[in-house]
C-alpha atoms as a PDB file:
ATOM      1  CA  UNK A   1     -10.129 -13.073   1.948  1.00  0.00           C
ATOM      2  CA  UNK A   2      -7.485 -10.604   0.738  1.00  0.00           C
ATOM      3  CA  UNK A   3      -7.592  -9.425  -2.858  1.00  0.00           C
ATOM      4  CA  UNK A   4      -4.461  -8.682  -4.883  1.00  0.00           C
ATOM      5  CA  UNK A   5      -4.354  -5.424  -2.987  1.00  0.00           C
ATOM      6  CA  UNK A   6      -3.543  -4.928   0.669  1.00  0.00           C
ATOM      7  CA  UNK A   7      -7.258  -4.791   1.598  1.00  0.00           C
ATOM      8  CA  UNK A   8     -10.079  -7.275   1.519  1.00  0.00           C
ATOM      9  CA  UNK A   9     -12.833  -6.807  -1.042  1.00  0.00           C
ATOM     10  CA  UNK A  10     -15.217  -5.814   1.754  1.00  0.00           C
ATOM     11  CA  UNK A  11     -12.780  -3.179   3.032  1.00  0.00           C
ATOM     12  CA  UNK A  12     -12.408  -1.723  -0.466  1.00  0.00           C
ATOM     13  CA  UNK A  13     -16.150  -1.538  -1.009  1.00  0.00           C
ATOM     14  CA  UNK A  14     -16.664   0.094   2.398  1.00  0.00           C
ATOM     15  CA  UNK A  15     -14.289   2.989   1.686  1.00  0.00           C
ATOM     16  CA  UNK A  16     -15.737   6.519   1.620  1.00  0.00           C
ATOM     17  CA  UNK A  17     -16.055   8.433  -1.669  1.00  0.00           C
ATOM     18  CA  UNK A  18     -12.473   9.701  -1.345  1.00  0.00           C
ATOM     19  CA  UNK A  19      -9.587   8.569   0.823  1.00  0.00           C
ATOM     20  CA  UNK A  20      -6.246   9.952   1.934  1.00  0.00           C
ATOM     21  CA  UNK A  21      -3.051   8.871   0.200  1.00  0.00           C
ATOM     22  CA  UNK A  22      -2.053   6.507   3.019  1.00  0.00           C
ATOM     23  CA  UNK A  23      -5.332   4.580   2.772  1.00  0.00           C
ATOM     24  CA  UNK A  24      -5.069   4.512  -1.018  1.00  0.00           C
ATOM     25  CA  UNK A  25      -1.532   3.189  -0.690  1.00  0.00           C
ATOM     26  CA  UNK A  26      -2.734   0.464   1.658  1.00  0.00           C
ATOM     27  CA  UNK A  27      -5.270  -0.571  -0.972  1.00  0.00           C
ATOM     28  CA  UNK A  28      -2.326  -1.191  -3.323  1.00  0.00           C
ATOM     29  CA  UNK A  29      -0.295  -2.941  -0.635  1.00  0.00           C
ATOM     30  CA  UNK A  30       2.245  -0.147  -0.213  1.00  0.00           C
ATOM     31  CA  UNK A  31       3.393   1.743   2.840  1.00  0.00           C
ATOM     32  CA  UNK A  32       2.994   5.391   3.729  1.00  0.00           C
ATOM     33  CA  UNK A  33       6.422   6.536   2.542  1.00  0.00           C
ATOM     34  CA  UNK A  34       6.140   4.920  -0.890  1.00  0.00           C
ATOM     35  CA  UNK A  35       2.596   6.217  -1.354  1.00  0.00           C
ATOM     36  CA  UNK A  36       3.711   9.806  -0.676  1.00  0.00           C
ATOM     37  CA  UNK A  37       6.810   9.446  -2.871  1.00  0.00           C
ATOM     38  CA  UNK A  38       4.787   8.164  -5.822  1.00  0.00           C
ATOM     39  CA  UNK A  39       2.148  10.870  -5.364  1.00  0.00           C
ATOM     40  CA  UNK A  40       4.777  13.616  -5.275  1.00  0.00           C
ATOM     41  CA  UNK A  41       6.412  12.250  -8.453  1.00  0.00           C
ATOM     42  CA  UNK A  42       3.067  11.870 -10.216  1.00  0.00           C
ATOM     43  CA  UNK A  43       3.558   8.095 -10.432  1.00  0.00           C
ATOM     44  CA  UNK A  44       0.809   6.833  -8.120  1.00  0.00           C
ATOM     45  CA  UNK A  45      -1.210   4.044  -9.823  1.00  0.00           C
ATOM     46  CA  UNK A  46      -4.359   6.214  -9.991  1.00  0.00           C
ATOM     47  CA  UNK A  47      -5.176   9.918 -10.245  1.00  0.00           C
ATOM     48  CA  UNK A  48      -4.297  11.847  -7.086  1.00  0.00           C
ATOM     49  CA  UNK A  49      -6.054  15.097  -6.214  1.00  0.00           C
ATOM     50  CA  UNK A  50      -3.973  17.687  -4.381  1.00  0.00           C
ATOM     51  CA  UNK A  51      -6.034  19.862  -2.065  1.00  0.00           C
ATOM     52  CA  UNK A  52      -3.733  22.344  -0.402  1.00  0.00           C
ATOM     53  CA  UNK A  53      -1.118  20.199   1.275  1.00  0.00           C
ATOM     54  CA  UNK A  54      -3.320  17.080   1.258  1.00  0.00           C
ATOM     55  CA  UNK A  55      -3.596  14.260  -1.234  1.00  0.00           C
ATOM     56  CA  UNK A  56      -6.952  12.570  -1.921  1.00  0.00           C
ATOM     57  CA  UNK A  57      -7.865   9.623  -4.126  1.00  0.00           C
ATOM     58  CA  UNK A  58     -11.344   8.803  -5.408  1.00  0.00           C
ATOM     59  CA  UNK A  59     -12.725   5.423  -4.365  1.00  0.00           C
ATOM     60  CA  UNK A  60     -14.023   4.880  -7.912  1.00  0.00           C
ATOM     61  CA  UNK A  61     -10.487   5.171  -9.298  1.00  0.00           C
ATOM     62  CA  UNK A  62      -9.168   2.689  -6.735  1.00  0.00           C
ATOM     63  CA  UNK A  63     -11.905   0.177  -7.440  1.00  0.00           C
ATOM     64  CA  UNK A  64     -11.438   0.473 -11.197  1.00  0.00           C
ATOM     65  CA  UNK A  65      -7.676   0.006 -11.012  1.00  0.00           C
ATOM     66  CA  UNK A  66      -7.996  -2.953  -8.644  1.00  0.00           C
ATOM     67  CA  UNK A  67     -10.639  -4.603 -10.817  1.00  0.00           C
ATOM     68  CA  UNK A  68     -13.486  -4.370  -8.326  1.00  0.00           C
ATOM     69  CA  UNK A  69     -17.068  -3.835  -9.446  1.00  0.00           C
ATOM     70  CA  UNK A  70     -18.184  -0.410  -8.209  1.00  0.00           C
ATOM     71  CA  UNK A  71     -21.823  -1.442  -8.629  1.00  0.00           C
ATOM     72  CA  UNK A  72     -21.350  -3.676  -5.592  1.00  0.00           C
ATOM     73  CA  UNK A  73     -20.947  -0.556  -3.421  1.00  0.00           C
ATOM     74  CA  UNK A  74     -24.671   0.202  -3.626  1.00  0.00           C
ATOM     75  CA  UNK A  75     -25.659  -3.389  -2.810  1.00  0.00           C
END
């Protein structure tokens, strides 16, 4: 079952500790271009880490913003 985001709950909980901006965008139901545009403008829905020319997003931030229980990750 899909959540409000573009990923199922199981897919969200299975994400690694950090993800690229495209994957983070998919979690919010947005495409690659919009995800990059929002990141560059500082308007992405969660904190984006810039590492060189790469963007990374913490799974914990995604889960929190999407209302998923991070404690379920360990289960």
